[in-house]
């Protein structure tokens, strides 16, 4: 007669195994969610300049062009060029700008936030949530405008604000 000795081996109970698997899956899910939210937050920042005020007044030397609006995007915008009818307008020295915030920040003038590039062109930083105003003179002398153009009363001009991100914000203005 042979006797067999049975050894009782105890494994992890199926309930405990299920709890451990669920805990590992939840931990991995949370880690993936944090990783994905980090990716989307860096890609979801955008600038959006809304030009809400655009008009011109006549002066003895030409027209004063007024542009104003707000950066409603989640990222700061940097204005680095203004074009009139597709021709770049030199913005160093003859453009007055003011940036104000809808929060408690003080008004920022063009000179305190401008940065000079290698070509001598300046840029204007418009923080997220801030309003901006740009005023410049469009000369009425023959051939004195951007690109040697001559402008006349009643003419509609296309003023485009171009940012460092490559976004264009156009505004149409009728010269009085």
N, C-alpha and C. Protein backbone atom coordinates (compact mmCIF):
# COMPACT_ATOMS: atom_id res chain seq x y z
N UNK A 1 0.81 -1.15 0.00
CA UNK A 1 0.00 0.00 0.00
C UNK A 1 0.88 1.24 0.00
N UNK A 2 0.65 2.01 -0.90
CA UNK A 2 1.45 3.22 -0.98
C UNK A 2 0.62 4.41 -0.52
N UNK A 3 1.29 5.21 0.18
CA UNK A 3 0.61 6.41 0.68
C UNK A 3 1.17 7.61 -0.04
N UNK A 4 0.33 8.41 -0.42
CA UNK A 4 0.77 9.66 -1.06
C UNK A 4 0.51 10.81 -0.12
N UNK A 5 1.49 11.60 -0.05
CA UNK A 5 1.36 12.77 0.81
C UNK A 5 1.00 13.95 -0.08
N UNK A 6 -0.08 14.51 0.27
CA UNK A 6 -0.53 15.68 -0.49
C UNK A 6 -0.08 16.94 0.23
N UNK A 7 0.58 17.75 -0.52
CA UNK A 7 1.00 19.06 0.02
C UNK A 7 -0.02 20.09 -0.40
N UNK A 8 -0.49 20.78 0.58
CA UNK A 8 -1.45 21.83 0.26
C UNK A 8 -0.70 23.11 -0.05
N UNK A 9 -0.87 23.57 -1.25
CA UNK A 9 -0.28 24.86 -1.63
C UNK A 9 -1.41 25.86 -1.71
N UNK A 10 -1.14 26.99 -1.14
CA UNK A 10 -2.17 28.02 -1.15
C UNK A 10 -1.76 29.10 -2.13
N UNK A 11 -2.61 29.41 -3.05
CA UNK A 11 -2.37 30.48 -4.02
C UNK A 11 -3.12 31.73 -3.55
N UNK A 12 -2.90 32.79 -4.26
CA UNK A 12 -3.61 34.03 -3.95
C UNK A 12 -5.07 33.83 -4.32
N UNK A 13 -5.91 34.27 -3.46
CA UNK A 13 -7.34 34.10 -3.70
C UNK A 13 -7.74 34.88 -4.95
N UNK A 14 -8.69 34.39 -5.72
CA UNK A 14 -9.12 35.10 -6.93
C UNK A 14 -9.64 36.51 -6.64
N UNK A 15 -10.23 36.73 -5.51
CA UNK A 15 -10.73 38.07 -5.17
C UNK A 15 -9.55 39.02 -4.98
N UNK A 16 -8.53 38.60 -4.26
CA UNK A 16 -7.36 39.45 -4.04
C UNK A 16 -6.62 39.70 -5.36
N UNK A 17 -6.52 38.70 -6.18
CA UNK A 17 -5.88 38.85 -7.49
C UNK A 17 -6.63 39.88 -8.34
N UNK A 18 -7.93 39.83 -8.31
CA UNK A 18 -8.74 40.80 -9.07
C UNK A 18 -8.53 42.21 -8.55
N UNK A 19 -8.49 42.38 -7.25
CA UNK A 19 -8.27 43.70 -6.65
C UNK A 19 -6.90 44.24 -7.05
N UNK A 20 -5.89 43.39 -7.01
CA UNK A 20 -4.54 43.82 -7.41
C UNK A 20 -4.51 44.23 -8.88
N UNK A 21 -5.12 43.46 -9.75
CA UNK A 21 -5.15 43.80 -11.18
C UNK A 21 -5.88 45.13 -11.42
N UNK A 22 -6.98 45.35 -10.73
CA UNK A 22 -7.72 46.61 -10.90
C UNK A 22 -6.89 47.79 -10.40
N UNK A 23 -6.19 47.62 -9.27
CA UNK A 23 -5.35 48.70 -8.74
C UNK A 23 -4.23 49.06 -9.70
N UNK A 24 -3.59 48.05 -10.29
CA UNK A 24 -2.52 48.31 -11.26
C UNK A 24 -3.08 49.01 -12.49
N UNK A 25 -4.24 48.58 -12.97
CA UNK A 25 -4.84 49.20 -14.15
C UNK A 25 -5.22 50.66 -13.89
N UNK A 26 -5.77 50.93 -12.71
CA UNK A 26 -6.13 52.32 -12.36
C UNK A 26 -4.87 53.18 -12.26
N UNK A 27 -3.82 52.67 -11.65
CA UNK A 27 -2.57 53.43 -11.53
C UNK A 27 -1.98 53.74 -12.90
N UNK A 28 -1.99 52.76 -13.80
CA UNK A 28 -1.49 53.00 -15.16
C UNK A 28 -2.38 54.00 -15.89
N UNK A 29 -3.68 53.91 -15.70
CA UNK A 29 -4.60 54.86 -16.34
C UNK A 29 -4.37 56.28 -15.88
N UNK A 30 -4.13 56.46 -14.58
CA UNK A 30 -3.85 57.80 -14.06
C UNK A 30 -2.53 58.33 -14.61
N UNK A 31 -1.52 57.48 -14.69
CA UNK A 31 -0.22 57.90 -15.23
C UNK A 31 -0.35 58.32 -16.69
N UNK A 32 -1.09 57.56 -17.48
CA UNK A 32 -1.29 57.91 -18.89
C UNK A 32 -2.10 59.21 -19.01
N UNK A 33 -3.08 59.41 -18.16
CA UNK A 33 -3.88 60.64 -18.20
C UNK A 33 -3.03 61.87 -17.90
N UNK A 34 -2.15 61.78 -16.90
CA UNK A 34 -1.27 62.91 -16.60
C UNK A 34 -0.30 63.18 -17.75
N UNK A 35 0.22 62.14 -18.34
CA UNK A 35 1.14 62.30 -19.47
C UNK A 35 0.42 62.96 -20.65
N UNK A 36 -0.79 62.49 -20.97
CA UNK A 36 -1.54 63.05 -22.09
C UNK A 36 -1.96 64.49 -21.82
N UNK A 37 -2.32 64.82 -20.58
CA UNK A 37 -2.71 66.20 -20.30
C UNK A 37 -1.52 67.13 -20.40
N UNK A 38 -0.33 66.66 -20.08
CA UNK A 38 0.88 67.47 -20.26
C UNK A 38 1.15 67.76 -21.72
N UNK A 39 0.89 66.79 -22.58
CA UNK A 39 1.07 67.00 -24.02
C UNK A 39 0.06 67.99 -24.57
N UNK A 40 -1.20 67.81 -24.20
CA UNK A 40 -2.23 68.69 -24.76
C UNK A 40 -2.12 70.11 -24.25
N UNK A 41 -1.69 70.32 -23.01
CA UNK A 41 -1.59 71.69 -22.51
C UNK A 41 -0.50 72.47 -23.22
N UNK A 42 0.57 71.79 -23.63
CA UNK A 42 1.63 72.50 -24.34
C UNK A 42 1.23 72.81 -25.78
N UNK A 43 0.35 72.00 -26.37
CA UNK A 43 -0.07 72.23 -27.74
C UNK A 43 -1.34 73.07 -27.85
N UNK A 44 -2.06 73.24 -26.75
CA UNK A 44 -3.33 73.94 -26.82
C UNK A 44 -3.20 75.44 -26.57
N UNK A 45 -2.02 75.93 -26.31
CA UNK A 45 -1.85 77.38 -26.13
C UNK A 45 -1.87 78.05 -27.50
N UNK A 46 -2.64 79.12 -27.60
CA UNK A 46 -2.76 79.82 -28.86
C UNK A 46 -2.95 81.30 -28.61
N UNK A 47 -2.59 82.09 -29.60
CA UNK A 47 -2.82 83.52 -29.53
C UNK A 47 -4.00 83.85 -30.43
N UNK A 48 -4.75 84.85 -30.04
CA UNK A 48 -5.86 85.29 -30.88
C UNK A 48 -6.09 86.77 -30.64
N UNK A 49 -5.63 87.57 -31.58
CA UNK A 49 -5.84 89.01 -31.50
C UNK A 49 -7.15 89.34 -32.20
N UNK A 50 -8.08 89.88 -31.44
CA UNK A 50 -9.33 90.33 -32.03
C UNK A 50 -9.25 91.83 -32.26
N UNK A 51 -9.29 92.25 -33.52
CA UNK A 51 -9.25 93.67 -33.85
C UNK A 51 -10.69 94.17 -33.84
N UNK A 52 -11.03 94.94 -32.81
CA UNK A 52 -12.42 95.40 -32.66
C UNK A 52 -12.59 96.87 -33.02
N UNK A 53 -11.51 97.63 -33.02
CA UNK A 53 -11.58 99.05 -33.36
C UNK A 53 -10.63 99.32 -34.52
N UNK A 54 -11.16 99.85 -35.59
CA UNK A 54 -10.33 100.22 -36.73
C UNK A 54 -10.96 101.42 -37.43
N UNK A 55 -10.23 102.51 -37.44
CA UNK A 55 -10.73 103.69 -38.13
C UNK A 55 -9.57 104.61 -38.46
N UNK A 56 -9.85 105.60 -39.30
CA UNK A 56 -8.84 106.57 -39.71
C UNK A 56 -9.41 107.98 -39.56
N UNK A 57 -8.53 108.91 -39.21
CA UNK A 57 -8.89 110.33 -39.18
C UNK A 57 -7.88 111.06 -40.05
N UNK A 58 -8.29 112.16 -40.61
CA UNK A 58 -7.37 112.91 -41.47
C UNK A 58 -6.57 113.91 -40.65
N UNK A 59 -5.34 114.11 -41.07
CA UNK A 59 -4.47 115.10 -40.45
C UNK A 59 -3.76 115.85 -41.56
N UNK A 60 -2.96 116.84 -41.20
CA UNK A 60 -2.28 117.65 -42.22
C UNK A 60 -1.25 116.83 -43.00
N UNK A 61 -0.66 115.82 -42.37
CA UNK A 61 0.38 115.04 -43.05
C UNK A 61 -0.15 113.75 -43.67
N UNK A 62 -1.45 113.45 -43.48
CA UNK A 62 -2.00 112.23 -44.04
C UNK A 62 -3.17 111.75 -43.21
N UNK A 63 -3.15 110.50 -42.83
CA UNK A 63 -4.23 109.92 -42.04
C UNK A 63 -3.64 109.25 -40.81
N UNK A 64 -4.33 109.42 -39.69
CA UNK A 64 -3.98 108.68 -38.48
C UNK A 64 -4.81 107.40 -38.49
N UNK A 65 -4.15 106.26 -38.47
CA UNK A 65 -4.82 104.97 -38.49
C UNK A 65 -4.85 104.43 -37.06
N UNK A 66 -6.03 104.07 -36.59
CA UNK A 66 -6.22 103.55 -35.24
C UNK A 66 -6.66 102.08 -35.33
N UNK A 67 -5.94 101.22 -34.63
CA UNK A 67 -6.31 99.81 -34.50
C UNK A 67 -6.34 99.48 -33.02
N UNK A 68 -7.34 98.76 -32.61
CA UNK A 68 -7.42 98.36 -31.21
C UNK A 68 -8.13 97.04 -31.07
N UNK A 69 -7.83 96.33 -30.01
CA UNK A 69 -8.48 95.04 -29.78
C UNK A 69 -7.95 94.37 -28.54
N UNK A 70 -8.09 93.06 -28.51
CA UNK A 70 -7.71 92.30 -27.33
C UNK A 70 -7.14 90.94 -27.75
N UNK A 71 -6.19 90.44 -26.96
CA UNK A 71 -5.67 89.10 -27.13
C UNK A 71 -6.54 88.16 -26.29
N UNK A 72 -7.44 87.45 -26.94
CA UNK A 72 -8.33 86.54 -26.22
C UNK A 72 -7.81 85.11 -26.19
N UNK A 73 -6.61 84.90 -26.69
CA UNK A 73 -6.02 83.56 -26.67
C UNK A 73 -5.42 83.23 -25.31
N UNK A 74 -4.92 82.02 -25.20
CA UNK A 74 -4.33 81.56 -23.94
C UNK A 74 -2.82 81.78 -23.89
N UNK A 75 -2.26 82.35 -24.93
CA UNK A 75 -0.82 82.58 -25.00
C UNK A 75 -0.55 84.04 -25.37
N UNK A 76 0.60 84.55 -24.98
CA UNK A 76 0.98 85.91 -25.35
C UNK A 76 1.21 85.99 -26.86
N UNK A 77 0.90 87.14 -27.44
CA UNK A 77 1.13 87.38 -28.86
C UNK A 77 2.23 88.40 -29.01
N UNK A 78 3.05 88.25 -30.05
CA UNK A 78 4.10 89.21 -30.35
C UNK A 78 3.88 89.75 -31.76
N UNK A 79 3.50 91.03 -31.84
CA UNK A 79 3.29 91.68 -33.14
C UNK A 79 4.66 92.09 -33.66
N UNK A 80 5.02 91.58 -34.84
CA UNK A 80 6.32 91.94 -35.38
C UNK A 80 6.24 92.61 -36.75
N UNK A 81 5.02 92.76 -37.28
CA UNK A 81 4.93 93.45 -38.57
C UNK A 81 3.51 93.95 -38.78
N UNK A 82 3.42 95.11 -39.44
CA UNK A 82 2.15 95.66 -39.89
C UNK A 82 2.26 95.83 -41.40
N UNK A 83 1.26 95.36 -42.12
CA UNK A 83 1.25 95.51 -43.58
C UNK A 83 0.06 96.36 -43.99
N UNK A 84 0.27 97.17 -45.01
CA UNK A 84 -0.81 97.95 -45.60
C UNK A 84 -0.92 97.52 -47.05
N UNK A 85 -2.07 96.97 -47.40
CA UNK A 85 -2.31 96.41 -48.74
C UNK A 85 -1.20 95.43 -49.14
N UNK A 86 -0.74 94.64 -48.19
CA UNK A 86 0.26 93.61 -48.46
C UNK A 86 1.70 94.08 -48.45
N UNK A 87 1.93 95.37 -48.19
CA UNK A 87 3.29 95.92 -48.17
C UNK A 87 3.68 96.19 -46.72
N UNK A 88 4.84 95.68 -46.27
CA UNK A 88 5.25 95.93 -44.88
C UNK A 88 5.41 97.42 -44.60
N UNK A 89 4.92 97.83 -43.45
CA UNK A 89 5.01 99.20 -43.00
C UNK A 89 6.08 99.26 -41.91
N UNK A 90 7.07 100.14 -42.03
CA UNK A 90 8.11 100.20 -40.99
C UNK A 90 7.52 100.68 -39.68
N UNK A 91 7.66 99.88 -38.62
CA UNK A 91 7.01 100.22 -37.36
C UNK A 91 7.98 100.77 -36.32
N UNK A 92 9.20 101.02 -36.68
CA UNK A 92 10.14 101.55 -35.68
C UNK A 92 10.06 103.07 -35.68
N UNK A 93 9.68 103.65 -34.56
CA UNK A 93 9.72 105.09 -34.39
C UNK A 93 8.44 105.82 -34.72
N UNK A 94 7.65 105.36 -35.68
CA UNK A 94 6.48 106.14 -36.07
C UNK A 94 5.16 105.47 -35.70
N UNK A 95 5.19 104.47 -34.85
CA UNK A 95 3.97 103.81 -34.41
C UNK A 95 3.86 103.97 -32.91
N UNK A 96 2.73 104.47 -32.44
CA UNK A 96 2.49 104.55 -31.01
C UNK A 96 1.58 103.39 -30.65
N UNK A 97 1.93 102.67 -29.62
CA UNK A 97 1.06 101.58 -29.19
C UNK A 97 0.92 101.62 -27.69
N UNK A 98 -0.14 101.04 -27.24
CA UNK A 98 -0.35 100.91 -25.81
C UNK A 98 -1.01 99.56 -25.57
N UNK A 99 -0.52 98.85 -24.60
CA UNK A 99 -1.10 97.57 -24.23
C UNK A 99 -1.60 97.70 -22.80
N UNK A 100 -2.85 97.39 -22.58
CA UNK A 100 -3.38 97.40 -21.23
C UNK A 100 -4.00 96.05 -20.96
N UNK A 101 -4.07 95.71 -19.71
CA UNK A 101 -4.60 94.41 -19.33
C UNK A 101 -5.97 94.56 -18.74
N UNK A 102 -6.79 93.53 -18.89
CA UNK A 102 -8.10 93.55 -18.27
C UNK A 102 -7.99 93.18 -16.79
N UNK A 103 -6.82 92.74 -16.38
CA UNK A 103 -6.59 92.47 -14.96
C UNK A 103 -5.96 93.71 -14.35
N UNK A 104 -5.24 93.57 -13.26
CA UNK A 104 -4.71 94.73 -12.56
C UNK A 104 -3.32 95.15 -13.01
N UNK A 105 -2.88 94.77 -14.19
CA UNK A 105 -1.56 95.18 -14.66
C UNK A 105 -1.61 96.64 -15.12
N UNK A 106 -0.52 97.37 -14.97
CA UNK A 106 -0.50 98.75 -15.45
C UNK A 106 -0.38 98.79 -16.97
N UNK A 107 -0.63 99.95 -17.55
CA UNK A 107 -0.49 100.12 -18.99
C UNK A 107 0.96 99.93 -19.39
N UNK A 108 1.18 99.31 -20.52
CA UNK A 108 2.53 99.05 -21.01
C UNK A 108 2.69 99.82 -22.32
N UNK A 109 3.71 100.63 -22.42
CA UNK A 109 3.91 101.38 -23.67
C UNK A 109 4.73 100.55 -24.64
N UNK A 110 4.72 100.95 -25.89
CA UNK A 110 5.46 100.25 -26.94
C UNK A 110 6.93 100.15 -26.59
N UNK A 111 7.52 101.24 -26.10
CA UNK A 111 8.95 101.25 -25.85
C UNK A 111 9.37 100.31 -24.73
N UNK A 112 8.52 100.12 -23.72
CA UNK A 112 8.94 99.27 -22.61
C UNK A 112 8.81 97.79 -22.91
N UNK A 113 8.01 97.42 -23.91
CA UNK A 113 7.87 96.00 -24.23
C UNK A 113 8.42 95.67 -25.60
N UNK A 114 9.00 96.63 -26.29
CA UNK A 114 9.48 96.34 -27.63
C UNK A 114 10.83 95.66 -27.58
N UNK A 115 11.09 94.90 -28.60
CA UNK A 115 12.36 94.22 -28.74
C UNK A 115 12.86 94.53 -30.14
N UNK A 116 14.11 94.90 -30.26
CA UNK A 116 14.66 95.24 -31.56
C UNK A 116 15.30 94.02 -32.18
N UNK A 117 14.92 93.72 -33.42
CA UNK A 117 15.51 92.58 -34.11
C UNK A 117 16.77 93.01 -34.84
N UNK A 118 17.40 92.07 -35.51
CA UNK A 118 18.65 92.36 -36.21
C UNK A 118 18.45 93.39 -37.32
N UNK A 119 17.25 93.43 -37.91
CA UNK A 119 17.01 94.38 -38.99
C UNK A 119 16.57 95.75 -38.47
N UNK A 120 16.52 95.92 -37.15
CA UNK A 120 16.10 97.20 -36.59
C UNK A 120 14.59 97.31 -36.42
N UNK A 121 13.85 96.29 -36.84
CA UNK A 121 12.40 96.27 -36.69
C UNK A 121 12.06 95.97 -35.24
N UNK A 122 11.01 96.55 -34.74
CA UNK A 122 10.63 96.30 -33.36
C UNK A 122 9.40 95.41 -33.32
N UNK A 123 9.17 94.81 -32.16
CA UNK A 123 8.00 93.96 -31.99
C UNK A 123 7.29 94.36 -30.70
N UNK A 124 6.01 94.07 -30.65
CA UNK A 124 5.17 94.44 -29.51
C UNK A 124 4.61 93.17 -28.89
N UNK A 125 4.79 93.01 -27.59
CA UNK A 125 4.25 91.86 -26.88
C UNK A 125 2.87 92.23 -26.33
N UNK A 126 1.86 91.38 -26.62
CA UNK A 126 0.51 91.58 -26.12
C UNK A 126 0.18 90.36 -25.26
N UNK A 127 0.24 90.51 -23.93
CA UNK A 127 -0.05 89.37 -23.05
C UNK A 127 -1.49 88.87 -23.21
N UNK A 128 -1.67 87.61 -22.88
CA UNK A 128 -3.00 87.01 -22.93
C UNK A 128 -3.96 87.79 -22.03
N UNK A 129 -5.13 88.13 -22.55
CA UNK A 129 -6.13 88.87 -21.79
C UNK A 129 -5.96 90.37 -21.84
N UNK A 130 -4.92 90.87 -22.51
CA UNK A 130 -4.67 92.30 -22.57
C UNK A 130 -5.30 92.92 -23.80
N UNK A 131 -5.58 94.22 -23.70
CA UNK A 131 -6.04 94.97 -24.85
C UNK A 131 -4.86 95.72 -25.44
N UNK A 132 -4.97 96.08 -26.71
CA UNK A 132 -3.89 96.82 -27.36
C UNK A 132 -4.50 97.92 -28.22
N UNK A 133 -3.71 98.95 -28.47
CA UNK A 133 -4.08 99.97 -29.44
C UNK A 133 -2.83 100.38 -30.19
N UNK A 134 -2.97 100.52 -31.49
CA UNK A 134 -1.85 100.89 -32.36
C UNK A 134 -2.31 102.09 -33.17
N UNK A 135 -1.49 103.12 -33.19
CA UNK A 135 -1.79 104.34 -33.94
C UNK A 135 -0.57 104.66 -34.80
N UNK A 136 -0.80 104.86 -36.09
CA UNK A 136 0.31 105.25 -36.96
C UNK A 136 -0.18 106.20 -38.04
N UNK A 137 0.78 106.89 -38.65
CA UNK A 137 0.46 107.88 -39.68
C UNK A 137 0.68 107.26 -41.06
N UNK A 138 -0.33 107.39 -41.90
CA UNK A 138 -0.22 106.99 -43.30
C UNK A 138 -0.10 108.27 -44.11
N UNK A 139 1.07 108.53 -44.70
CA UNK A 139 1.27 109.83 -45.38
C UNK A 139 0.41 109.97 -46.64
N UNK A 140 0.02 111.24 -46.93
CA UNK A 140 -0.78 111.50 -48.12
C UNK A 140 0.04 112.10 -49.25
N UNK A 141 1.34 112.28 -49.05
CA UNK A 141 2.18 112.81 -50.13
C UNK A 141 2.33 111.74 -51.21
N UNK A 142 2.43 112.19 -52.46
CA UNK A 142 2.53 111.25 -53.58
C UNK A 142 3.77 110.37 -53.43
N UNK A 143 3.55 109.07 -53.44
CA UNK A 143 4.65 108.11 -53.38
C UNK A 143 5.29 107.95 -52.03
N UNK A 144 4.72 108.55 -50.98
CA UNK A 144 5.35 108.50 -49.66
C UNK A 144 4.86 107.34 -48.81
N UNK A 145 3.84 106.62 -49.27
CA UNK A 145 3.30 105.51 -48.49
C UNK A 145 4.17 104.28 -48.61
N UNK A 146 3.82 103.23 -47.88
CA UNK A 146 4.58 101.99 -47.95
C UNK A 146 4.64 101.46 -49.37
N UNK A 147 5.82 101.07 -49.80
CA UNK A 147 6.01 100.56 -51.16
C UNK A 147 5.89 101.63 -52.22
N UNK A 148 6.01 102.91 -51.82
CA UNK A 148 5.90 104.00 -52.79
C UNK A 148 4.47 104.24 -53.25
N UNK A 149 3.52 103.77 -52.52
CA UNK A 149 2.11 103.93 -52.90
C UNK A 149 1.60 105.32 -52.53
N UNK A 150 0.59 105.76 -53.25
CA UNK A 150 -0.10 107.00 -52.94
C UNK A 150 -1.53 106.65 -52.55
N UNK A 151 -1.99 107.21 -51.45
CA UNK A 151 -3.33 106.93 -50.97
C UNK A 151 -4.19 108.17 -51.11
N UNK A 152 -5.51 107.96 -51.31
CA UNK A 152 -6.43 109.07 -51.48
C UNK A 152 -7.66 108.89 -50.59
N UNK A 153 -8.36 109.98 -50.35
CA UNK A 153 -9.58 109.92 -49.55
C UNK A 153 -10.61 109.02 -50.23
N UNK A 154 -11.36 108.27 -49.44
CA UNK A 154 -12.36 107.36 -49.97
C UNK A 154 -11.82 105.98 -50.30
N UNK A 155 -10.51 105.83 -50.29
CA UNK A 155 -9.90 104.54 -50.61
C UNK A 155 -9.99 103.60 -49.41
N UNK A 156 -10.24 102.34 -49.66
CA UNK A 156 -10.25 101.32 -48.61
C UNK A 156 -8.88 100.66 -48.57
N UNK A 157 -8.28 100.66 -47.39
CA UNK A 157 -6.98 100.00 -47.25
C UNK A 157 -7.14 98.77 -46.36
N UNK A 158 -6.30 97.80 -46.61
CA UNK A 158 -6.28 96.57 -45.81
C UNK A 158 -5.05 96.63 -44.91
N UNK A 159 -5.27 96.77 -43.61
CA UNK A 159 -4.18 96.78 -42.63
C UNK A 159 -4.14 95.40 -42.00
N UNK A 160 -2.97 94.77 -42.01
CA UNK A 160 -2.83 93.42 -41.46
C UNK A 160 -1.79 93.44 -40.36
N UNK A 161 -2.17 92.93 -39.19
CA UNK A 161 -1.22 92.75 -38.08
C UNK A 161 -0.69 91.34 -38.19
N UNK A 162 0.63 91.19 -38.22
CA UNK A 162 1.26 89.88 -38.34
C UNK A 162 2.05 89.61 -37.07
N UNK A 163 1.84 88.44 -36.48
CA UNK A 163 2.52 88.08 -35.24
C UNK A 163 3.69 87.15 -35.51
N UNK A 164 4.50 86.96 -34.48
CA UNK A 164 5.67 86.09 -34.59
C UNK A 164 5.27 84.65 -34.86
N UNK A 165 4.07 84.25 -34.46
CA UNK A 165 3.59 82.89 -34.72
C UNK A 165 3.14 82.72 -36.17
N UNK A 166 3.15 83.80 -36.95
CA UNK A 166 2.76 83.72 -38.35
C UNK A 166 1.28 83.94 -38.59
N UNK A 167 0.54 84.35 -37.58
CA UNK A 167 -0.89 84.60 -37.74
C UNK A 167 -1.14 86.00 -38.29
N UNK A 168 -2.13 86.13 -39.15
CA UNK A 168 -2.50 87.40 -39.74
C UNK A 168 -3.85 87.85 -39.20
N UNK A 169 -3.94 89.12 -38.82
CA UNK A 169 -5.18 89.69 -38.31
C UNK A 169 -5.51 90.93 -39.15
N UNK A 170 -6.36 90.78 -40.17
CA UNK A 170 -6.64 91.89 -41.09
C UNK A 170 -7.75 92.81 -40.58
N UNK A 171 -7.70 94.05 -41.07
CA UNK A 171 -8.73 95.04 -40.79
C UNK A 171 -8.85 95.95 -42.01
N UNK A 172 -10.06 96.21 -42.45
CA UNK A 172 -10.30 97.11 -43.57
C UNK A 172 -10.69 98.47 -43.04
N UNK A 173 -10.07 99.51 -43.59
CA UNK A 173 -10.33 100.88 -43.15
C UNK A 173 -10.54 101.76 -44.37
N UNK A 174 -11.58 102.57 -44.32
CA UNK A 174 -11.83 103.55 -45.39
C UNK A 174 -11.21 104.86 -44.97
N UNK A 175 -10.37 105.41 -45.82
CA UNK A 175 -9.72 106.69 -45.53
C UNK A 175 -10.73 107.82 -45.72
N UNK A 176 -10.86 108.72 -44.74
CA UNK A 176 -11.86 109.79 -44.84
C UNK A 176 -11.47 110.84 -45.88
